[in-house]
Amino acid sequence: MINAREILNDFMNGVGKMSEMDGPFINNFMAFDGSAGTGNGAITDKQKELIAVGIGISRLCQYCICVHVRGAYQAGATREEIMAAAEVAMTFGGGPTLAYSAAVLTAALDEFEHDFE
């Protein structure tokens, strides 16, 4: 069974440990990463998070999937919108992306759905 919150926590704890080893690099990386998901650009933060969900699925990255499903919910996405973004990724990625979606995506959808109500 996939524990999406544990995956998210493992990622966050790992980033924290890496920051202790080289804070400037990690801080710069996280600022760069965060700059793509904030602000009033041509697309909304919600749309950016939905794109990130699709990329995470297409790259078969359980950490990316969990981080960005939670981020999509936080940005106001619905379960249906997140699933639609995942389905686009699955059409390009075939069976492996379906497998990650069936296991990791569904666990993340269930785990984080009520975090921002």
N, C-alpha and C. Protein backbone atom coordinates (compact mmCIF):
# COMPACT_ATOMS: atom_id res chain seq x y z
N MET A 1 0.84 -1.18 0.00
CA MET A 1 0.00 0.00 0.00
C MET A 1 0.89 1.25 0.00
N ILE A 2 0.55 2.20 -0.80
CA ILE A 2 1.29 3.45 -0.93
C ILE A 2 0.83 4.42 0.16
N ASN A 3 1.78 5.00 0.88
CA ASN A 3 1.47 6.02 1.88
C ASN A 3 1.96 7.36 1.33
N ALA A 4 1.05 8.11 0.73
CA ALA A 4 1.41 9.36 0.06
C ALA A 4 1.97 10.39 1.03
N ARG A 5 1.43 10.46 2.23
CA ARG A 5 1.94 11.45 3.19
C ARG A 5 3.36 11.09 3.63
N GLU A 6 3.64 9.82 3.76
CA GLU A 6 4.99 9.38 4.10
C GLU A 6 5.97 9.73 2.97
N ILE A 7 5.54 9.54 1.73
CA ILE A 7 6.38 9.91 0.58
C ILE A 7 6.66 11.41 0.61
N LEU A 8 5.63 12.22 0.84
CA LEU A 8 5.79 13.67 0.92
C LEU A 8 6.74 14.03 2.06
N ASN A 9 6.55 13.43 3.22
CA ASN A 9 7.41 13.71 4.37
C ASN A 9 8.85 13.28 4.12
N ASP A 10 9.05 12.13 3.49
CA ASP A 10 10.41 11.68 3.15
C ASP A 10 11.10 12.70 2.26
N PHE A 11 10.37 13.21 1.28
CA PHE A 11 10.93 14.22 0.39
C PHE A 11 11.31 15.48 1.18
N MET A 12 10.38 15.98 1.97
CA MET A 12 10.63 17.21 2.71
C MET A 12 11.77 17.04 3.71
N ASN A 13 11.82 15.91 4.39
CA ASN A 13 12.91 15.65 5.33
C ASN A 13 14.25 15.55 4.61
N GLY A 14 14.24 14.91 3.46
CA GLY A 14 15.47 14.79 2.67
C GLY A 14 15.97 16.14 2.19
N VAL A 15 15.05 16.98 1.75
CA VAL A 15 15.44 18.33 1.33
C VAL A 15 16.02 19.10 2.53
N GLY A 16 15.43 18.91 3.69
CA GLY A 16 15.95 19.56 4.90
C GLY A 16 17.36 19.11 5.22
N LYS A 17 17.63 17.82 5.12
CA LYS A 17 18.99 17.30 5.37
C LYS A 17 19.98 17.83 4.35
N MET A 18 19.56 17.88 3.09
CA MET A 18 20.43 18.41 2.06
C MET A 18 20.72 19.88 2.29
N SER A 19 19.74 20.60 2.80
CA SER A 19 19.91 22.01 3.09
C SER A 19 20.95 22.22 4.19
N GLU A 20 21.00 21.30 5.15
CA GLU A 20 22.01 21.38 6.20
C GLU A 20 23.41 21.20 5.62
N MET A 21 23.53 20.39 4.56
CA MET A 21 24.84 20.15 3.94
C MET A 21 25.25 21.28 3.02
N ASP A 22 24.30 21.84 2.28
CA ASP A 22 24.60 22.93 1.35
C ASP A 22 23.38 23.81 1.21
N GLY A 23 23.16 24.61 2.23
CA GLY A 23 21.99 25.48 2.28
C GLY A 23 21.86 26.43 1.10
N PRO A 24 22.93 27.11 0.71
CA PRO A 24 22.79 28.05 -0.41
C PRO A 24 22.29 27.38 -1.69
N PHE A 25 22.84 26.21 -2.02
CA PHE A 25 22.40 25.54 -3.25
C PHE A 25 20.94 25.14 -3.15
N ILE A 26 20.56 24.48 -2.06
CA ILE A 26 19.18 24.02 -1.90
C ILE A 26 18.22 25.20 -1.87
N ASN A 27 18.59 26.26 -1.16
CA ASN A 27 17.72 27.45 -1.10
C ASN A 27 17.54 28.06 -2.48
N ASN A 28 18.62 28.14 -3.25
CA ASN A 28 18.52 28.68 -4.61
C ASN A 28 17.67 27.77 -5.50
N PHE A 29 17.87 26.46 -5.36
CA PHE A 29 17.08 25.53 -6.17
C PHE A 29 15.61 25.64 -5.83
N MET A 30 15.28 25.67 -4.54
CA MET A 30 13.88 25.73 -4.14
C MET A 30 13.27 27.08 -4.54
N ALA A 31 14.04 28.15 -4.49
CA ALA A 31 13.53 29.45 -4.95
C ALA A 31 13.25 29.41 -6.45
N PHE A 32 14.16 28.80 -7.20
CA PHE A 32 13.97 28.66 -8.64
C PHE A 32 12.73 27.81 -8.92
N ASP A 33 12.63 26.68 -8.25
CA ASP A 33 11.48 25.79 -8.42
C ASP A 33 10.20 26.51 -8.05
N GLY A 34 10.20 27.22 -6.96
CA GLY A 34 9.01 27.93 -6.50
C GLY A 34 8.61 29.07 -7.40
N SER A 35 9.58 29.67 -8.08
CA SER A 35 9.27 30.81 -8.94
C SER A 35 8.41 30.40 -10.13
N ALA A 36 8.48 29.14 -10.51
CA ALA A 36 7.65 28.67 -11.63
C ALA A 36 6.21 28.47 -11.20
N GLY A 37 5.96 28.36 -9.92
CA GLY A 37 4.61 28.06 -9.46
C GLY A 37 3.91 29.19 -8.75
N THR A 38 4.47 30.38 -8.81
CA THR A 38 3.83 31.48 -8.10
C THR A 38 3.68 32.69 -9.00
N GLY A 39 2.85 33.57 -8.57
CA GLY A 39 2.69 34.84 -9.28
C GLY A 39 1.49 34.85 -10.19
N ASN A 40 1.31 35.96 -10.83
CA ASN A 40 0.16 36.17 -11.71
C ASN A 40 0.62 36.16 -13.16
N GLY A 41 1.17 35.06 -13.60
CA GLY A 41 1.64 34.95 -14.97
C GLY A 41 0.51 34.67 -15.93
N ALA A 42 0.87 34.13 -17.06
CA ALA A 42 -0.09 33.85 -18.11
C ALA A 42 -1.04 32.71 -17.74
N ILE A 43 -0.60 31.83 -16.83
CA ILE A 43 -1.47 30.76 -16.33
C ILE A 43 -1.47 30.80 -14.81
N THR A 44 -2.49 30.23 -14.22
CA THR A 44 -2.67 30.28 -12.77
C THR A 44 -1.78 29.27 -12.07
N ASP A 45 -1.63 29.46 -10.76
CA ASP A 45 -0.89 28.50 -9.96
C ASP A 45 -1.54 27.12 -10.04
N LYS A 46 -2.86 27.08 -10.06
CA LYS A 46 -3.56 25.80 -10.17
C LYS A 46 -3.19 25.11 -11.47
N GLN A 47 -3.18 25.84 -12.56
CA GLN A 47 -2.82 25.25 -13.85
C GLN A 47 -1.38 24.75 -13.84
N LYS A 48 -0.47 25.51 -13.21
CA LYS A 48 0.93 25.10 -13.10
C LYS A 48 1.05 23.80 -12.31
N GLU A 49 0.31 23.69 -11.22
CA GLU A 49 0.36 22.46 -10.41
C GLU A 49 -0.22 21.27 -11.18
N LEU A 50 -1.27 21.50 -11.95
CA LEU A 50 -1.83 20.41 -12.77
C LEU A 50 -0.82 19.95 -13.82
N ILE A 51 -0.11 20.88 -14.43
CA ILE A 51 0.94 20.52 -15.37
C ILE A 51 2.02 19.71 -14.65
N ALA A 52 2.39 20.15 -13.46
CA ALA A 52 3.41 19.45 -12.69
C ALA A 52 2.97 18.04 -12.32
N VAL A 53 1.69 17.83 -12.01
CA VAL A 53 1.18 16.48 -11.76
C VAL A 53 1.42 15.61 -12.99
N GLY A 54 1.06 16.13 -14.15
CA GLY A 54 1.25 15.38 -15.39
C GLY A 54 2.70 15.07 -15.66
N ILE A 55 3.58 16.02 -15.42
CA ILE A 55 5.01 15.77 -15.62
C ILE A 55 5.51 14.74 -14.63
N GLY A 56 5.09 14.84 -13.38
CA GLY A 56 5.49 13.85 -12.37
C GLY A 56 5.08 12.44 -12.77
N ILE A 57 3.88 12.32 -13.30
CA ILE A 57 3.40 11.01 -13.75
C ILE A 57 4.23 10.54 -14.95
N SER A 58 4.45 11.44 -15.90
CA SER A 58 5.19 11.03 -17.10
C SER A 58 6.63 10.68 -16.77
N ARG A 59 7.20 11.26 -15.71
CA ARG A 59 8.58 10.96 -15.30
C ARG A 59 8.64 9.81 -14.29
N LEU A 60 7.48 9.26 -13.94
CA LEU A 60 7.39 8.15 -12.99
C LEU A 60 8.07 8.49 -11.66
N CYS A 61 7.75 9.67 -11.15
CA CYS A 61 8.35 10.16 -9.91
C CYS A 61 7.30 10.23 -8.81
N GLN A 62 7.33 9.27 -7.89
CA GLN A 62 6.33 9.25 -6.83
C GLN A 62 6.42 10.48 -5.94
N TYR A 63 7.60 11.02 -5.74
CA TYR A 63 7.75 12.22 -4.92
C TYR A 63 7.09 13.41 -5.61
N CYS A 64 7.35 13.56 -6.91
CA CYS A 64 6.74 14.66 -7.68
C CYS A 64 5.22 14.55 -7.67
N ILE A 65 4.72 13.35 -7.85
CA ILE A 65 3.27 13.15 -7.88
C ILE A 65 2.66 13.59 -6.55
N CYS A 66 3.23 13.15 -5.44
CA CYS A 66 2.67 13.49 -4.13
C CYS A 66 2.79 14.98 -3.84
N VAL A 67 3.95 15.57 -4.11
CA VAL A 67 4.14 17.00 -3.86
C VAL A 67 3.15 17.82 -4.68
N HIS A 68 2.98 17.47 -5.95
CA HIS A 68 2.16 18.32 -6.82
C HIS A 68 0.67 18.01 -6.76
N VAL A 69 0.28 16.80 -6.37
CA VAL A 69 -1.14 16.57 -6.10
C VAL A 69 -1.54 17.43 -4.90
N ARG A 70 -0.72 17.42 -3.87
CA ARG A 70 -1.02 18.26 -2.70
C ARG A 70 -1.02 19.73 -3.10
N GLY A 71 -0.04 20.13 -3.90
CA GLY A 71 0.03 21.51 -4.36
C GLY A 71 -1.17 21.90 -5.21
N ALA A 72 -1.64 20.97 -6.02
CA ALA A 72 -2.83 21.25 -6.85
C ALA A 72 -4.05 21.45 -5.97
N TYR A 73 -4.21 20.58 -4.98
CA TYR A 73 -5.33 20.78 -4.05
C TYR A 73 -5.19 22.13 -3.35
N GLN A 74 -3.99 22.46 -2.90
CA GLN A 74 -3.75 23.71 -2.20
C GLN A 74 -4.08 24.91 -3.09
N ALA A 75 -3.83 24.78 -4.39
CA ALA A 75 -4.10 25.86 -5.34
C ALA A 75 -5.56 25.90 -5.77
N GLY A 76 -6.39 24.98 -5.25
CA GLY A 76 -7.82 25.01 -5.53
C GLY A 76 -8.31 24.02 -6.56
N ALA A 77 -7.46 23.11 -7.00
CA ALA A 77 -7.89 22.10 -7.98
C ALA A 77 -8.82 21.09 -7.32
N THR A 78 -9.69 20.54 -8.11
CA THR A 78 -10.57 19.47 -7.66
C THR A 78 -9.94 18.12 -8.01
N ARG A 79 -10.46 17.10 -7.39
CA ARG A 79 -10.02 15.74 -7.70
C ARG A 79 -10.20 15.46 -9.20
N GLU A 80 -11.30 15.92 -9.76
CA GLU A 80 -11.59 15.68 -11.17
C GLU A 80 -10.59 16.38 -12.08
N GLU A 81 -10.19 17.61 -11.71
CA GLU A 81 -9.20 18.34 -12.50
C GLU A 81 -7.84 17.66 -12.44
N ILE A 82 -7.46 17.20 -11.26
CA ILE A 82 -6.18 16.50 -11.13
C ILE A 82 -6.20 15.22 -11.94
N MET A 83 -7.30 14.50 -11.88
CA MET A 83 -7.42 13.26 -12.65
C MET A 83 -7.36 13.55 -14.14
N ALA A 84 -7.97 14.62 -14.59
CA ALA A 84 -7.93 14.97 -16.01
C ALA A 84 -6.50 15.26 -16.46
N ALA A 85 -5.73 15.97 -15.63
CA ALA A 85 -4.33 16.24 -15.96
C ALA A 85 -3.54 14.93 -16.02
N ALA A 86 -3.81 14.04 -15.09
CA ALA A 86 -3.14 12.73 -15.07
C ALA A 86 -3.48 11.93 -16.32
N GLU A 87 -4.71 12.00 -16.75
CA GLU A 87 -5.12 11.25 -17.94
C GLU A 87 -4.39 11.72 -19.19
N VAL A 88 -4.14 13.01 -19.29
CA VAL A 88 -3.36 13.51 -20.42
C VAL A 88 -1.96 12.88 -20.39
N ALA A 89 -1.34 12.88 -19.22
CA ALA A 89 -0.01 12.27 -19.09
C ALA A 89 -0.05 10.78 -19.43
N MET A 90 -1.10 10.10 -19.00
CA MET A 90 -1.21 8.67 -19.28
C MET A 90 -1.33 8.38 -20.77
N THR A 91 -2.00 9.25 -21.51
CA THR A 91 -2.14 9.01 -22.95
C THR A 91 -0.78 9.05 -23.64
N PHE A 92 0.14 9.83 -23.11
CA PHE A 92 1.48 9.92 -23.69
C PHE A 92 2.41 8.85 -23.15
N GLY A 93 2.19 8.42 -21.91
CA GLY A 93 3.13 7.51 -21.25
C GLY A 93 2.76 6.05 -21.25
N GLY A 94 1.54 5.72 -21.62
CA GLY A 94 1.14 4.32 -21.70
C GLY A 94 1.08 3.61 -20.37
N GLY A 95 1.35 2.31 -20.42
CA GLY A 95 1.19 1.42 -19.28
C GLY A 95 1.94 1.84 -18.02
N PRO A 96 3.23 2.22 -18.12
CA PRO A 96 3.93 2.61 -16.90
C PRO A 96 3.28 3.80 -16.19
N THR A 97 2.79 4.77 -16.95
CA THR A 97 2.14 5.91 -16.30
C THR A 97 0.79 5.52 -15.70
N LEU A 98 0.12 4.58 -16.34
CA LEU A 98 -1.12 4.06 -15.76
C LEU A 98 -0.82 3.37 -14.44
N ALA A 99 0.27 2.60 -14.39
CA ALA A 99 0.64 1.89 -13.16
C ALA A 99 0.93 2.87 -12.02
N TYR A 100 1.73 3.90 -12.30
CA TYR A 100 2.02 4.90 -11.27
C TYR A 100 0.77 5.65 -10.85
N SER A 101 -0.10 5.91 -11.80
CA SER A 101 -1.34 6.60 -11.47
C SER A 101 -2.25 5.72 -10.62
N ALA A 102 -2.32 4.45 -10.97
CA ALA A 102 -3.17 3.53 -10.21
C ALA A 102 -2.71 3.39 -8.77
N ALA A 103 -1.40 3.44 -8.55
CA ALA A 103 -0.88 3.27 -7.20
C ALA A 103 -0.63 4.60 -6.50
N VAL A 104 0.26 5.40 -7.03
CA VAL A 104 0.69 6.61 -6.34
C VAL A 104 -0.32 7.74 -6.45
N LEU A 105 -0.80 8.00 -7.65
CA LEU A 105 -1.76 9.10 -7.83
C LEU A 105 -3.01 8.88 -7.00
N THR A 106 -3.59 7.69 -7.06
CA THR A 106 -4.82 7.45 -6.31
C THR A 106 -4.58 7.58 -4.81
N ALA A 107 -3.42 7.13 -4.33
CA ALA A 107 -3.10 7.28 -2.91
C ALA A 107 -2.99 8.75 -2.54
N ALA A 108 -2.34 9.54 -3.39
CA ALA A 108 -2.18 10.97 -3.12
C ALA A 108 -3.52 11.70 -3.19
N LEU A 109 -4.35 11.35 -4.16
CA LEU A 109 -5.67 11.96 -4.26
C LEU A 109 -6.45 11.74 -2.97
N ASP A 110 -6.44 10.51 -2.49
CA ASP A 110 -7.18 10.17 -1.27
C ASP A 110 -6.57 10.85 -0.04
N GLU A 111 -5.25 10.85 0.04
CA GLU A 111 -4.57 11.36 1.24
C GLU A 111 -4.70 12.85 1.43
N PHE A 112 -4.59 13.61 0.35
CA PHE A 112 -4.51 15.07 0.47
C PHE A 112 -5.81 15.80 0.15
N GLU A 113 -6.83 15.07 -0.26
CA GLU A 113 -8.07 15.68 -0.73
C GLU A 113 -8.70 16.65 0.27
N HIS A 114 -8.57 16.39 1.54
CA HIS A 114 -9.26 17.21 2.54
C HIS A 114 -8.32 18.11 3.34
N ASP A 115 -7.06 18.24 2.90
CA ASP A 115 -6.09 19.05 3.62
C ASP A 115 -6.40 20.54 3.60
N PHE A 116 -7.12 21.02 2.59
CA PHE A 116 -7.28 22.47 2.42
C PHE A 116 -8.75 22.90 2.40
N GLU A 117 -9.58 22.15 3.07
CA GLU A 117 -11.01 22.50 3.12
C GLU A 117 -11.28 23.54 4.17
